[in-house]
PDB file of all heavy atoms in Angstrom:
ATOM      1  N   MET A   1     104.657  98.372  85.837  1.00  0.00           N
ATOM      2  CA  MET A   1     103.348  98.227  86.464  1.00  0.00           C
ATOM      3  C   MET A   1     102.310  97.907  85.395  1.00  0.00           C
ATOM      4  O   MET A   1     102.282  98.542  84.340  1.00  0.00           O
ATOM      5  CB  MET A   1     102.936  99.500  87.204  1.00  0.00           C
ATOM      6  CG  MET A   1     101.589  99.374  87.916  1.00  0.00           C
ATOM      7  SD  MET A   1     101.126 100.878  88.815  1.00  0.00           S
ATOM      8  CE  MET A   1     100.733 101.969  87.447  1.00  0.00           C
ATOM      9  N   VAL A   2     101.472  96.933  85.672  1.00  0.00           N
ATOM     10  CA  VAL A   2     100.353  96.595  84.793  1.00  0.00           C
ATOM     11  C   VAL A   2      99.067  96.807  85.578  1.00  0.00           C
ATOM     12  O   VAL A   2      98.896  96.257  86.672  1.00  0.00           O
ATOM     13  CB  VAL A   2     100.446  95.142  84.299  1.00  0.00           C
ATOM     14  CG1 VAL A   2      99.225  94.793  83.440  1.00  0.00           C
ATOM     15  CG2 VAL A   2     101.734  94.925  83.506  1.00  0.00           C
ATOM     16  N   VAL A   3      98.166  97.618  85.034  1.00  0.00           N
ATOM     17  CA  VAL A   3      96.880  97.881  85.665  1.00  0.00           C
ATOM     18  C   VAL A   3      95.817  97.055  84.937  1.00  0.00           C
ATOM     19  O   VAL A   3      95.643  97.184  83.720  1.00  0.00           O
ATOM     20  CB  VAL A   3      96.523  99.376  85.619  1.00  0.00           C
ATOM     21  CG1 VAL A   3      95.187  99.624  86.322  1.00  0.00           C
ATOM     22  CG2 VAL A   3      97.622 100.208  86.267  1.00  0.00           C
ATOM     23  N   HIS A   4      95.130  96.215  85.695  1.00  0.00           N
ATOM     24  CA  HIS A   4      94.155  95.265  85.162  1.00  0.00           C
ATOM     25  C   HIS A   4      92.750  95.815  85.420  1.00  0.00           C
ATOM     26  O   HIS A   4      92.351  95.987  86.576  1.00  0.00           O
ATOM     27  CB  HIS A   4      94.362  93.920  85.874  1.00  0.00           C
ATOM     28  CG  HIS A   4      93.350  92.879  85.571  1.00  0.00           C
ATOM     29  ND1 HIS A   4      92.754  92.105  86.553  1.00  0.00           N
ATOM     30  CD2 HIS A   4      92.821  92.457  84.399  1.00  0.00           C
ATOM     31  CE1 HIS A   4      91.918  91.263  86.012  1.00  0.00           C
ATOM     32  NE2 HIS A   4      91.939  91.455  84.702  1.00  0.00           N
ATOM     33  N   THR A   5      92.021  96.123  84.341  1.00  0.00           N
ATOM     34  CA  THR A   5      90.698  96.748  84.496  1.00  0.00           C
ATOM     35  C   THR A   5      89.641  96.018  83.677  1.00  0.00           C
ATOM     36  O   THR A   5      89.937  95.329  82.700  1.00  0.00           O
ATOM     37  CB  THR A   5      90.717  98.223  84.051  1.00  0.00           C
ATOM     38  OG1 THR A   5      90.753  98.301  82.613  1.00  0.00           O
ATOM     39  CG2 THR A   5      91.904  98.967  84.625  1.00  0.00           C
ATOM     40  N   ASP A   6      88.402  96.204  84.094  1.00  0.00           N
ATOM     41  CA  ASP A   6      87.259  95.702  83.332  1.00  0.00           C
ATOM     42  C   ASP A   6      86.031  96.434  83.848  1.00  0.00           C
ATOM     43  O   ASP A   6      85.985  96.842  85.017  1.00  0.00           O
ATOM     44  CB  ASP A   6      87.089  94.191  83.511  1.00  0.00           C
ATOM     45  CG  ASP A   6      86.279  93.559  82.382  1.00  0.00           C
ATOM     46  OD1 ASP A   6      85.053  93.822  82.302  1.00  0.00           O
ATOM     47  OD2 ASP A   6      86.854  92.817  81.580  1.00  0.00           O
ATOM     48  N   ILE A   7      85.025  96.592  83.001  1.00  0.00           N
ATOM     49  CA  ILE A   7      83.784  97.226  83.447  1.00  0.00           C
ATOM     50  C   ILE A   7      82.906  96.241  84.211  1.00  0.00           C
ATOM     51  O   ILE A   7      81.984  96.630  84.921  1.00  0.00           O
ATOM     52  CB  ILE A   7      83.005  97.825  82.245  1.00  0.00           C
ATOM     53  CG1 ILE A   7      81.967  98.842  82.736  1.00  0.00           C
ATOM     54  CG2 ILE A   7      82.380  96.715  81.402  1.00  0.00           C
ATOM     55  CD1 ILE A   7      81.307  99.623  81.615  1.00  0.00           C
ATOM     56  N   ASN A   8      83.221  94.945  84.080  1.00  0.00           N
ATOM     57  CA  ASN A   8      82.400  93.906  84.688  1.00  0.00           C
ATOM     58  C   ASN A   8      83.084  93.330  85.923  1.00  0.00           C
ATOM     59  O   ASN A   8      84.161  92.729  85.823  1.00  0.00           O
ATOM     60  CB  ASN A   8      82.120  92.803  83.656  1.00  0.00           C
ATOM     61  CG  ASN A   8      81.213  91.731  84.205  1.00  0.00           C
ATOM     62  OD1 ASN A   8      81.681  90.769  84.800  1.00  0.00           O
ATOM     63  ND2 ASN A   8      79.920  91.892  84.023  1.00  0.00           N
ATOM     64  N   ALA A   9      82.458  93.497  87.084  1.00  0.00           N
ATOM     65  CA  ALA A   9      83.071  93.067  88.339  1.00  0.00           C
ATOM     66  C   ALA A   9      83.232  91.554  88.419  1.00  0.00           C
ATOM     67  O   ALA A   9      84.219  91.060  88.989  1.00  0.00           O
ATOM     68  CB  ALA A   9      82.235  93.566  89.520  1.00  0.00           C
ATOM     69  N   ALA A  10      82.289  90.802  87.846  1.00  0.00           N
ATOM     70  CA  ALA A  10      82.382  89.333  87.899  1.00  0.00           C
ATOM     71  C   ALA A  10      83.593  88.844  87.118  1.00  0.00           C
ATOM     72  O   ALA A  10      84.354  87.982  87.588  1.00  0.00           O
ATOM     73  CB  ALA A  10      81.103  88.702  87.355  1.00  0.00           C
ATOM     74  N   MET A  11      83.789  89.382  85.915  1.00  0.00           N
ATOM     75  CA  MET A  11      84.947  88.998  85.119  1.00  0.00           C
ATOM     76  C   MET A  11      86.240  89.417  85.814  1.00  0.00           C
ATOM     77  O   MET A  11      87.220  88.670  85.849  1.00  0.00           O
ATOM     78  CB  MET A  11      84.874  89.656  83.737  1.00  0.00           C
ATOM     79  CG  MET A  11      83.779  89.103  82.844  1.00  0.00           C
ATOM     80  SD  MET A  11      84.161  87.450  82.250  1.00  0.00           S
ATOM     81  CE  MET A  11      85.519  87.802  81.167  1.00  0.00           C
ATOM     82  N   LEU A  12      86.241  90.618  86.378  1.00  0.00           N
ATOM     83  CA  LEU A  12      87.434  91.126  87.037  1.00  0.00           C
ATOM     84  C   LEU A  12      87.789  90.267  88.252  1.00  0.00           C
ATOM     85  O   LEU A  12      88.967  90.020  88.529  1.00  0.00           O
ATOM     86  CB  LEU A  12      87.208  92.573  87.457  1.00  0.00           C
ATOM     87  CG  LEU A  12      88.442  93.425  87.706  1.00  0.00           C
ATOM     88  CD1 LEU A  12      89.260  93.585  86.436  1.00  0.00           C
ATOM     89  CD2 LEU A  12      88.034  94.793  88.246  1.00  0.00           C
ATOM     90  N   GLY A  13      86.761  89.795  88.960  1.00  0.00           N
ATOM     91  CA  GLY A  13      87.012  88.934  90.112  1.00  0.00           C
ATOM     92  C   GLY A  13      87.661  87.622  89.725  1.00  0.00           C
ATOM     93  O   GLY A  13      88.595  87.152  90.396  1.00  0.00           O
ATOM     94  N   VAL A  14      87.195  87.037  88.634  1.00  0.00           N
ATOM     95  CA  VAL A  14      87.805  85.796  88.140  1.00  0.00           C
ATOM     96  C   VAL A  14      89.261  86.058  87.759  1.00  0.00           C
ATOM     97  O   VAL A  14      90.162  85.283  88.089  1.00  0.00           O
ATOM     98  CB  VAL A  14      87.021  85.236  86.934  1.00  0.00           C
ATOM     99  CG1 VAL A  14      87.754  84.055  86.312  1.00  0.00           C
ATOM    100  CG2 VAL A  14      85.608  84.813  87.358  1.00  0.00           C
ATOM    101  N   GLY A  15      89.498  87.178  87.073  1.00  0.00           N
ATOM    102  CA  GLY A  15      90.860  87.513  86.665  1.00  0.00           C
ATOM    103  C   GLY A  15      91.774  87.785  87.839  1.00  0.00           C
ATOM    104  O   GLY A  15      92.917  87.318  87.868  1.00  0.00           O
ATOM    105  N   ARG A  16      91.276  88.520  88.830  1.00  0.00           N
ATOM    106  CA  ARG A  16      92.085  88.811  90.021  1.00  0.00           C
ATOM    107  C   ARG A  16      92.497  87.527  90.723  1.00  0.00           C
ATOM    108  O   ARG A  16      93.652  87.365  91.134  1.00  0.00           O
ATOM    109  CB  ARG A  16      91.289  89.685  90.977  1.00  0.00           C
ATOM    110  CG  ARG A  16      91.997  90.024  92.289  1.00  0.00           C
ATOM    111  CD  ARG A  16      90.991  90.422  93.348  1.00  0.00           C
ATOM    112  NE  ARG A  16      90.027  89.360  93.557  1.00  0.00           N
ATOM    113  CZ  ARG A  16      88.745  89.572  93.904  1.00  0.00           C
ATOM    114  NH1 ARG A  16      88.299  90.801  94.071  1.00  0.00           N
ATOM    115  NH2 ARG A  16      87.931  88.554  94.092  1.00  0.00           N
ATOM    116  N   ASP A  17      91.554  86.594  90.855  1.00  0.00           N
ATOM    117  CA  ASP A  17      91.864  85.324  91.522  1.00  0.00           C
ATOM    118  C   ASP A  17      92.913  84.536  90.739  1.00  0.00           C
ATOM    119  O   ASP A  17      93.818  83.921  91.327  1.00  0.00           O
ATOM    120  CB  ASP A  17      90.595  84.488  91.695  1.00  0.00           C
ATOM    121  CG  ASP A  17      89.632  85.109  92.701  1.00  0.00           C
ATOM    122  OD1 ASP A  17      90.061  86.012  93.451  1.00  0.00           O
ATOM    123  OD2 ASP A  17      88.458  84.693  92.733  1.00  0.00           O
ATOM    124  N   ARG A  18      92.806  84.545  89.410  1.00  0.00           N
ATOM    125  CA  ARG A  18      93.792  83.849  88.581  1.00  0.00           C
ATOM    126  C   ARG A  18      95.175  84.477  88.732  1.00  0.00           C
ATOM    127  O   ARG A  18      96.187  83.766  88.802  1.00  0.00           O
ATOM    128  CB  ARG A  18      93.376  83.895  87.113  1.00  0.00           C
ATOM    129  CG  ARG A  18      92.297  82.903  86.731  1.00  0.00           C
ATOM    130  CD  ARG A  18      92.114  82.865  85.230  1.00  0.00           C
ATOM    131  NE  ARG A  18      93.349  82.515  84.538  1.00  0.00           N
ATOM    132  CZ  ARG A  18      93.555  82.659  83.244  1.00  0.00           C
ATOM    133  NH1 ARG A  18      92.604  83.158  82.480  1.00  0.00           N
ATOM    134  NH2 ARG A  18      94.689  82.299  82.681  1.00  0.00           N
ATOM    135  N   LEU A  19      95.223  85.795  88.763  1.00  0.00           N
ATOM    136  CA  LEU A  19      96.500  86.478  88.911  1.00  0.00           C
ATOM    137  C   LEU A  19      97.124  86.182  90.277  1.00  0.00           C
ATOM    138  O   LEU A  19      98.331  85.945  90.376  1.00  0.00           O
ATOM    139  CB  LEU A  19      96.306  87.988  88.728  1.00  0.00           C
ATOM    140  CG  LEU A  19      95.963  88.433  87.300  1.00  0.00           C
ATOM    141  CD1 LEU A  19      95.487  89.883  87.297  1.00  0.00           C
ATOM    142  CD2 LEU A  19      97.159  88.271  86.374  1.00  0.00           C
ATOM    143  N   LEU A  20      96.306  86.174  91.314  1.00  0.00           N
ATOM    144  CA  LEU A  20      96.819  85.842  92.644  1.00  0.00           C
ATOM    145  C   LEU A  20      97.336  84.409  92.692  1.00  0.00           C
ATOM    146  O   LEU A  20      98.376  84.138  93.299  1.00  0.00           O
ATOM    147  CB  LEU A  20      95.719  86.050  93.692  1.00  0.00           C
ATOM    148  CG  LEU A  20      95.336  87.507  93.984  1.00  0.00           C
ATOM    149  CD1 LEU A  20      94.123  87.560  94.898  1.00  0.00           C
ATOM    150  CD2 LEU A  20      96.509  88.269  94.593  1.00  0.00           C
ATOM    151  N   ASP A  21      96.611  83.504  92.032  1.00  0.00           N
ATOM    152  CA  ASP A  21      97.067  82.113  91.980  1.00  0.00           C
ATOM    153  C   ASP A  21      98.419  81.992  91.283  1.00  0.00           C
ATOM    154  O   ASP A  21      99.207  81.079  91.567  1.00  0.00           O
ATOM    155  CB  ASP A  21      96.031  81.238  91.263  1.00  0.00           C
ATOM    156  CG  ASP A  21      94.771  81.017  92.088  1.00  0.00           C
ATOM    157  OD1 ASP A  21      94.808  81.265  93.306  1.00  0.00           O
ATOM    158  OD2 ASP A  21      93.748  80.606  91.509  1.00  0.00           O
ATOM    159  N   ALA A  22      98.686  82.919  90.360  1.00  0.00           N
ATOM    160  CA  ALA A  22      99.959  82.927  89.639  1.00  0.00           C
ATOM    161  C   ALA A  22     101.040  83.707  90.382  1.00  0.00           C
ATOM    162  O   ALA A  22     102.153  83.872  89.875  1.00  0.00           O
ATOM    163  CB  ALA A  22      99.767  83.519  88.242  1.00  0.00           C
ATOM    164  N   GLY A  23     100.697  84.197  91.581  1.00  0.00           N
ATOM    165  CA  GLY A  23     101.674  84.930  92.375  1.00  0.00           C
ATOM    166  C   GLY A  23     101.818  86.390  91.994  1.00  0.00           C
ATOM    167  O   GLY A  23     102.820  87.017  92.332  1.00  0.00           O
ATOM    168  N   LEU A  24     100.808  86.936  91.300  1.00  0.00           N
ATOM    169  CA  LEU A  24     100.868  88.325  90.858  1.00  0.00           C
ATOM    170  C   LEU A  24      99.821  89.161  91.585  1.00  0.00           C
ATOM    171  O   LEU A  24      98.640  88.810  91.604  1.00  0.00           O
ATOM    172  CB  LEU A  24     100.624  88.420  89.353  1.00  0.00           C
ATOM    173  CG  LEU A  24     101.723  87.896  88.432  1.00  0.00           C
ATOM    174  CD1 LEU A  24     101.219  87.861  86.999  1.00  0.00           C
ATOM    175  CD2 LEU A  24     102.970  88.772  88.531  1.00  0.00           C
ATOM    176  N   VAL A  25     100.248  90.257  92.154  1.00  0.00           N
ATOM    177  CA  VAL A  25      99.335  91.212  92.771  1.00  0.00           C
ATOM    178  C   VAL A  25      99.391  92.486  91.929  1.00  0.00           C
ATOM    179  O   VAL A  25     100.370  93.240  91.991  1.00  0.00           O
ATOM    180  CB  VAL A  25      99.727  91.512  94.232  1.00  0.00           C
ATOM    181  CG1 VAL A  25      98.736  92.511  94.839  1.00  0.00           C
ATOM    182  CG2 VAL A  25      99.769  90.235  95.052  1.00  0.00           C
ATOM    183  N   LEU A  26      98.374  92.686  91.111  1.00  0.00           N
ATOM    184  CA  LEU A  26      98.342  93.838  90.215  1.00  0.00           C
ATOM    185  C   LEU A  26      97.235  94.798  90.630  1.00  0.00           C
ATOM    186  O   LEU A  26      96.205  94.361  91.161  1.00  0.00           O
ATOM    187  CB  LEU A  26      98.075  93.389  88.770  1.00  0.00           C
ATOM    188  CG  LEU A  26      99.022  92.368  88.159  1.00  0.00           C
ATOM    189  CD1 LEU A  26      98.627  92.106  86.704  1.00  0.00           C
ATOM    190  CD2 LEU A  26     100.464  92.825  88.241  1.00  0.00           C
ATOM    191  N   PRO A  27      97.414  96.101  90.387  1.00  0.00           N
ATOM    192  CA  PRO A  27      96.290  97.024  90.581  1.00  0.00           C
ATOM    193  C   PRO A  27      95.119  96.569  89.715  1.00  0.00           C
ATOM    194  O   PRO A  27      95.271  96.379  88.505  1.00  0.00           O
ATOM    195  CB  PRO A  27      96.846  98.368  90.102  1.00  0.00           C
ATOM    196  CG  PRO A  27      98.328  98.215  90.153  1.00  0.00           C
ATOM    197  CD  PRO A  27      98.616  96.766  89.884  1.00  0.00           C
ATOM    198  N   THR A  28      93.976  96.348  90.331  1.00  0.00           N
ATOM    199  CA  THR A  28      92.811  95.789  89.645  1.00  0.00           C
ATOM    200  C   THR A  28      91.603  96.639  89.988  1.00  0.00           C
ATOM    201  O   THR A  28      91.275  96.803  91.161  1.00  0.00           O
ATOM    202  CB  THR A  28      92.563  94.328  90.087  1.00  0.00           C
ATOM    203  OG1 THR A  28      93.718  93.534  89.753  1.00  0.00           O
ATOM    204  CG2 THR A  28      91.355  93.740  89.400  1.00  0.00           C
ATOM    205  N   LEU A  29      90.937  97.192  88.972  1.00  0.00           N
ATOM    206  CA  LEU A  29      89.791  98.037  89.280  1.00  0.00           C
ATOM    207  C   LEU A  29      88.733  97.993  88.185  1.00  0.00           C
ATOM    208  O   LEU A  29      89.040  97.765  87.009  1.00  0.00           O
ATOM    209  CB  LEU A  29      90.224  99.481  89.509  1.00  0.00           C
ATOM    210  CG  LEU A  29      90.727 100.310  88.334  1.00  0.00           C
ATOM    211  CD1 LEU A  29      90.488 101.789  88.594  1.00  0.00           C
ATOM    212  CD2 LEU A  29      92.212 100.076  88.105  1.00  0.00           C
ATOM    213  N   VAL A  30      87.496  98.185  88.635  1.00  0.00           N
ATOM    214  CA  VAL A  30      86.372  98.293  87.715  1.00  0.00           C
ATOM    215  C   VAL A  30      86.391  99.694  87.116  1.00  0.00           C
ATOM    216  O   VAL A  30      86.399 100.688  87.852  1.00  0.00           O
ATOM    217  CB  VAL A  30      85.036  98.050  88.439  1.00  0.00           C
ATOM    218  CG1 VAL A  30      83.860  98.300  87.500  1.00  0.00           C
ATOM    219  CG2 VAL A  30      84.971  96.637  88.996  1.00  0.00           C
ATOM    220  N   CYS A  31      86.435  99.776  85.798  1.00  0.00           N
ATOM    221  CA  CYS A  31      86.346 101.098  85.174  1.00  0.00           C
ATOM    222  C   CYS A  31      85.797 100.980  83.767  1.00  0.00           C
ATOM    223  O   CYS A  31      85.868  99.930  83.129  1.00  0.00           O
ATOM    224  CB  CYS A  31      87.681 101.829  85.203  1.00  0.00           C
ATOM    225  SG  CYS A  31      88.881 101.320  83.970  1.00  0.00           S
ATOM    226  N   ASP A  32      85.236 102.077  83.301  1.00  0.00           N
ATOM    227  CA  ASP A  32      84.610 102.185  81.986  1.00  0.00           C
ATOM    228  C   ASP A  32      85.659 102.647  80.987  1.00  0.00           C
ATOM    229  O   ASP A  32      86.295 103.694  81.179  1.00  0.00           O
ATOM    230  CB  ASP A  32      83.457 103.190  82.082  1.00  0.00           C
ATOM    231  CG  ASP A  32      82.658 103.316  80.796  1.00  0.00           C
ATOM    232  OD1 ASP A  32      83.108 102.815  79.743  1.00  0.00           O
ATOM    233  OD2 ASP A  32      81.577 103.922  80.840  1.00  0.00           O
ATOM    234  N   GLY A  33      85.841 101.882  79.913  1.00  0.00           N
ATOM    235  CA  GLY A  33      86.823 102.239  78.898  1.00  0.00           C
ATOM    236  C   GLY A  33      86.540 103.560  78.215  1.00  0.00           C
ATOM    237  O   GLY A  33      87.444 104.158  77.611  1.00  0.00           O
ATOM    238  N   GLU A  34      85.302 104.041  78.301  1.00  0.00           N
ATOM    239  CA  GLU A  34      84.956 105.317  77.692  1.00  0.00           C
ATOM    240  C   GLU A  34      85.245 106.500  78.611  1.00  0.00           C
ATOM    241  O   GLU A  34      85.185 107.656  78.180  1.00  0.00           O
ATOM    242  CB  GLU A  34      83.476 105.322  77.294  1.00  0.00           C
ATOM    243  CG  GLU A  34      83.131 104.266  76.252  1.00  0.00           C
ATOM    244  CD  GLU A  34      81.646 104.232  75.922  1.00  0.00           C
ATOM    245  OE1 GLU A  34      80.942 105.224  76.225  1.00  0.00           O
ATOM    246  OE2 GLU A  34      81.185 103.221  75.359  1.00  0.00           O
ATOM    247  N   LYS A  35      85.541 106.216  79.890  1.00  0.00           N
ATOM    248  CA  LYS A  35      85.821 107.271  80.878  1.00  0.00           C
ATOM    249  C   LYS A  35      86.944 106.776  81.788  1.00  0.00           C
ATOM    250  O   LYS A  35      86.692 106.431  82.953  1.00  0.00           O
ATOM    251  CB  LYS A  35      84.566 107.599  81.685  1.00  0.00           C
ATOM    252  CG  LYS A  35      83.379 108.064  80.854  1.00  0.00           C
ATOM    253  CD  LYS A  35      82.136 108.197  81.716  1.00  0.00           C
ATOM    254  CE  LYS A  35      80.927 108.578  80.880  1.00  0.00           C
ATOM    255  NZ  LYS A  35      79.684 108.648  81.707  1.00  0.00           N
TER     256      LYS A  35
END
């Protein structure tokens, strides 16, 4: 399992769409690396 995270929702949205285009559905969530 690979969990894809970022604190920035805009960047995460671009990444999620790219992963879906590649046929990958990964857990994707906005989170703070400090918490």
